Amino acid sequence: PRSSWYYRFIETAAELNVMLGYKDCYGTHPCYTKPQKTVTRAEAAAMIVRYYGFTPQNLAPSFSDLEPYAWYLAVVQASADRCILQGHGGSHDQQTRPNEEITRAEMIVILDRATKNFTYGKDCSWGY
């Protein structure tokens, strides 16, 4: 609703193409962002990658838990290439848990990493 405290923030994020709506929102109204829903790790990575204009460089290896045709493949790769998302698990079974909720602490860490312009292989690695 326009009267909500977060309305102008979501609208600004949408204008900057940082936040996209669910399904086909291009030129359609209303477009839904589900502001009361929790944010997944993939959605958080997507907003950061879009904000900074990061693109995949294919430096980091792929995570073992990514679905082959998932919407988030390019943003997870771009974020891994810049050490924003790093794997969890053993050295040969790295996972990003893309569909899990992101915690506030995790969000702060990945936002901090995004500002540092890290490069995979130079500033971080997964132990492969």
C-alpha atoms as a PDB file:
ATOM      1  CA  PRO A   1       0.000   0.000   0.000  1.00  0.00           C
ATOM      2  CA  ARG A   2       1.105   3.562  -0.715  1.00  0.00           C
ATOM      3  CA  SER A   3       0.580   4.416   2.949  1.00  0.00           C
ATOM      4  CA  SER A   4       3.137   1.873   4.198  1.00  0.00           C
ATOM      5  CA  TRP A   5       6.420   3.176   5.627  1.00  0.00           C
ATOM      6  CA  TYR A   6       8.456   1.127   3.126  1.00  0.00           C
ATOM      7  CA  TYR A   7       6.523   2.106  -0.027  1.00  0.00           C
ATOM      8  CA  ARG A   8       8.986   4.754  -1.270  1.00  0.00           C
ATOM      9  CA  PHE A   9      11.974   2.468  -0.608  1.00  0.00           C
ATOM     10  CA  ILE A  10      10.507  -0.380  -2.631  1.00  0.00           C
ATOM     11  CA  GLU A  11       9.477   1.967  -5.433  1.00  0.00           C
ATOM     12  CA  THR A  12      12.986   3.451  -5.561  1.00  0.00           C
ATOM     13  CA  ALA A  13      14.566  -0.011  -5.585  1.00  0.00           C
ATOM     14  CA  ALA A  14      12.208  -0.988  -8.411  1.00  0.00           C
ATOM     15  CA  GLU A  15      13.057   2.145 -10.417  1.00  0.00           C
ATOM     16  CA  LEU A  16      16.753   1.265 -10.087  1.00  0.00           C
ATOM     17  CA  ASN A  17      16.021  -2.355 -11.155  1.00  0.00           C
ATOM     18  CA  VAL A  18      17.419  -3.585  -7.854  1.00  0.00           C
ATOM     19  CA  MET A  19      14.130  -5.117  -6.772  1.00  0.00           C
ATOM     20  CA  LEU A  20      11.966  -6.891  -9.307  1.00  0.00           C
ATOM     21  CA  GLY A  21       8.461  -8.130  -8.731  1.00  0.00           C
ATOM     22  CA  TYR A  22       7.266 -11.707  -8.773  1.00  0.00           C
ATOM     23  CA  LYS A  23       6.420 -13.262 -12.132  1.00  0.00           C
ATOM     24  CA  ASP A  24       5.930 -10.916 -15.108  1.00  0.00           C
ATOM     25  CA  CYS A  25       5.904  -7.371 -13.752  1.00  0.00           C
ATOM     26  CA  TYR A  26       7.146  -5.565 -16.826  1.00  0.00           C
ATOM     27  CA  GLY A  27       4.431  -3.082 -17.737  1.00  0.00           C
ATOM     28  CA  THR A  28       1.772  -4.800 -15.653  1.00  0.00           C
ATOM     29  CA  HIS A  29      -0.075  -3.436 -12.662  1.00  0.00           C
ATOM     30  CA  PRO A  30      -0.241  -4.282  -9.921  1.00  0.00           C
ATOM     31  CA  CYS A  31       3.217  -5.753  -9.546  1.00  0.00           C
ATOM     32  CA  TYR A  32       3.864  -7.683  -6.339  1.00  0.00           C
ATOM     33  CA  THR A  33       7.059  -7.572  -4.284  1.00  0.00           C
ATOM     34  CA  LYS A  34       5.711  -9.307  -1.174  1.00  0.00           C
ATOM     35  CA  PRO A  35       7.354  -6.906   1.312  1.00  0.00           C
ATOM     36  CA  GLN A  36       6.232  -8.879   4.370  1.00  0.00           C
ATOM     37  CA  LYS A  37       7.802 -12.107   3.083  1.00  0.00           C
ATOM     38  CA  THR A  38      11.251 -13.156   4.281  1.00  0.00           C
ATOM     39  CA  VAL A  39      14.162 -12.783   1.856  1.00  0.00           C
ATOM     40  CA  THR A  40      16.073 -15.801   0.602  1.00  0.00           C
ATOM     41  CA  ARG A  41      19.834 -15.906   0.198  1.00  0.00           C
ATOM     42  CA  ALA A  42      19.414 -15.928  -3.616  1.00  0.00           C
ATOM     43  CA  GLU A  43      17.086 -12.907  -3.523  1.00  0.00           C
ATOM     44  CA  ALA A  44      19.543 -10.980  -1.322  1.00  0.00           C
ATOM     45  CA  ALA A  45      22.401 -11.828  -3.669  1.00  0.00           C
ATOM     46  CA  ALA A  46      20.291 -10.755  -6.647  1.00  0.00           C
ATOM     47  CA  MET A  47      19.558  -7.325  -5.175  1.00  0.00           C
ATOM     48  CA  ILE A  48      23.224  -6.748  -4.355  1.00  0.00           C
ATOM     49  CA  VAL A  49      24.420  -7.917  -7.776  1.00  0.00           C
ATOM     50  CA  ARG A  50      21.870  -5.701  -9.523  1.00  0.00           C
ATOM     51  CA  TYR A  51      22.709  -2.678  -7.371  1.00  0.00           C
ATOM     52  CA  TYR A  52      26.438  -2.901  -8.060  1.00  0.00           C
ATOM     53  CA  GLY A  53      26.011  -4.033 -11.674  1.00  0.00           C
ATOM     54  CA  PHE A  54      28.094  -7.179 -11.152  1.00  0.00           C
ATOM     55  CA  THR A  55      28.126  -9.779 -13.909  1.00  0.00           C
ATOM     56  CA  PRO A  56      29.408 -13.358 -13.801  1.00  0.00           C
ATOM     57  CA  GLN A  57      33.120 -13.759 -14.468  1.00  0.00           C
ATOM     58  CA  ASN A  58      33.105 -17.549 -14.017  1.00  0.00           C
ATOM     59  CA  LEU A  59      36.046 -17.445 -11.609  1.00  0.00           C
ATOM     60  CA  ALA A  60      34.484 -19.340  -8.699  1.00  0.00           C
ATOM     61  CA  PRO A  61      33.491 -22.992  -8.981  1.00  0.00           C
ATOM     62  CA  SER A  62      29.801 -23.836  -9.006  1.00  0.00           C
ATOM     63  CA  PHE A  63      27.937 -24.590  -5.795  1.00  0.00           C
ATOM     64  CA  SER A  64      26.730 -28.180  -5.451  1.00  0.00           C
ATOM     65  CA  ASP A  65      23.167 -27.252  -4.455  1.00  0.00           C
ATOM     66  CA  LEU A  66      22.171 -25.047  -7.384  1.00  0.00           C
ATOM     67  CA  GLU A  67      19.299 -26.185  -9.544  1.00  0.00           C
ATOM     68  CA  PRO A  68      20.382 -26.379 -13.208  1.00  0.00           C
ATOM     69  CA  TYR A  69      17.790 -23.930 -14.580  1.00  0.00           C
ATOM     70  CA  ALA A  70      17.119 -21.763 -11.535  1.00  0.00           C
ATOM     71  CA  TRP A  71      16.451 -18.063 -12.019  1.00  0.00           C
ATOM     72  CA  TYR A  72      19.308 -17.187  -9.675  1.00  0.00           C
ATOM     73  CA  LEU A  73      22.237 -19.005 -11.378  1.00  0.00           C
ATOM     74  CA  ALA A  74      23.840 -15.879 -12.879  1.00  0.00           C
ATOM     75  CA  VAL A  75      23.486 -13.777  -9.714  1.00  0.00           C
ATOM     76  CA  VAL A  76      24.894 -16.526  -7.499  1.00  0.00           C
ATOM     77  CA  GLN A  77      27.855 -16.924  -9.873  1.00  0.00           C
ATOM     78  CA  ALA A  78      28.430 -13.157  -9.985  1.00  0.00           C
ATOM     79  CA  SER A  79      28.293 -12.946  -6.203  1.00  0.00           C
ATOM     80  CA  ALA A  80      30.617 -15.945  -5.761  1.00  0.00           C
ATOM     81  CA  ASP A  81      33.083 -14.434  -8.234  1.00  0.00           C
ATOM     82  CA  ARG A  82      33.305 -11.433  -5.889  1.00  0.00           C
ATOM     83  CA  CYS A  83      33.389 -13.447  -2.632  1.00  0.00           C
ATOM     84  CA  ILE A  84      29.976 -12.085  -1.629  1.00  0.00           C
ATOM     85  CA  LEU A  85      28.452 -15.545  -1.281  1.00  0.00           C
ATOM     86  CA  GLN A  86      30.827 -18.237  -0.150  1.00  0.00           C
ATOM     87  CA  GLY A  87      30.146 -21.910   0.280  1.00  0.00           C
ATOM     88  CA  HIS A  88      29.024 -23.723   3.382  1.00  0.00           C
ATOM     89  CA  GLY A  89      29.939 -27.342   3.972  1.00  0.00           C
ATOM     90  CA  GLY A  90      32.961 -29.482   3.304  1.00  0.00           C
ATOM     91  CA  SER A  91      35.666 -28.536   0.840  1.00  0.00           C
ATOM     92  CA  HIS A  92      34.161 -30.714  -1.919  1.00  0.00           C
ATOM     93  CA  ASP A  93      30.488 -30.051  -1.209  1.00  0.00           C
ATOM     94  CA  GLN A  94      30.105 -26.294  -1.191  1.00  0.00           C
ATOM     95  CA  GLN A  95      26.530 -25.083  -0.851  1.00  0.00           C
ATOM     96  CA  THR A  96      24.963 -21.653  -0.978  1.00  0.00           C
ATOM     97  CA  ARG A  97      21.492 -22.630   0.305  1.00  0.00           C
ATOM     98  CA  PRO A  98      19.782 -20.293  -2.211  1.00  0.00           C
ATOM     99  CA  ASN A  99      16.224 -20.913  -1.030  1.00  0.00           C
ATOM    100  CA  GLU A 100      16.887 -20.518   2.688  1.00  0.00           C
ATOM    101  CA  GLU A 101      16.068 -17.318   4.522  1.00  0.00           C
ATOM    102  CA  ILE A 102      18.984 -14.975   5.008  1.00  0.00           C
ATOM    103  CA  THR A 103      19.680 -13.799   8.526  1.00  0.00           C
ATOM    104  CA  ARG A 104      20.364 -10.170   9.388  1.00  0.00           C
ATOM    105  CA  ALA A 105      23.943 -11.106  10.288  1.00  0.00           C
ATOM    106  CA  GLU A 106      24.479 -12.827   6.918  1.00  0.00           C
ATOM    107  CA  MET A 107      23.017  -9.813   5.128  1.00  0.00           C
ATOM    108  CA  ILE A 108      25.442  -7.442   6.841  1.00  0.00           C
ATOM    109  CA  VAL A 109      28.390  -9.685   5.962  1.00  0.00           C
ATOM    110  CA  ILE A 110      27.492  -9.974   2.271  1.00  0.00           C
ATOM    111  CA  LEU A 111      26.787  -6.239   2.013  1.00  0.00           C
ATOM    112  CA  ASP A 112      30.207  -5.554   3.509  1.00  0.00           C
ATOM    113  CA  ARG A 113      31.877  -7.960   1.073  1.00  0.00           C
ATOM    114  CA  ALA A 114      30.102  -6.296  -1.867  1.00  0.00           C
ATOM    115  CA  THR A 115      31.683  -2.940  -1.031  1.00  0.00           C
ATOM    116  CA  LYS A 116      35.216  -4.375  -1.035  1.00  0.00           C
ATOM    117  CA  ASN A 117      35.428  -5.369  -4.711  1.00  0.00           C
ATOM    118  CA  PHE A 118      36.890  -8.790  -3.893  1.00  0.00           C
ATOM    119  CA  THR A 119      37.865 -11.305  -6.568  1.00  0.00           C
ATOM    120  CA  TYR A 120      37.595 -15.072  -6.205  1.00  0.00           C
ATOM    121  CA  GLY A 121      40.999 -16.755  -6.157  1.00  0.00           C
ATOM    122  CA  LYS A 122      42.713 -13.609  -4.920  1.00  0.00           C
ATOM    123  CA  ASP A 123      40.627 -12.540  -1.902  1.00  0.00           C
ATOM    124  CA  CYS A 124      38.725 -15.757  -1.138  1.00  0.00           C
ATOM    125  CA  SER A 125      38.558 -19.423  -2.087  1.00  0.00           C
ATOM    126  CA  TRP A 126      36.571 -22.470  -1.085  1.00  0.00           C
ATOM    127  CA  GLY A 127      39.482 -24.833  -0.552  1.00  0.00           C
ATOM    128  CA  TYR A 128      39.024 -26.813  -3.779  1.00  0.00           C
END
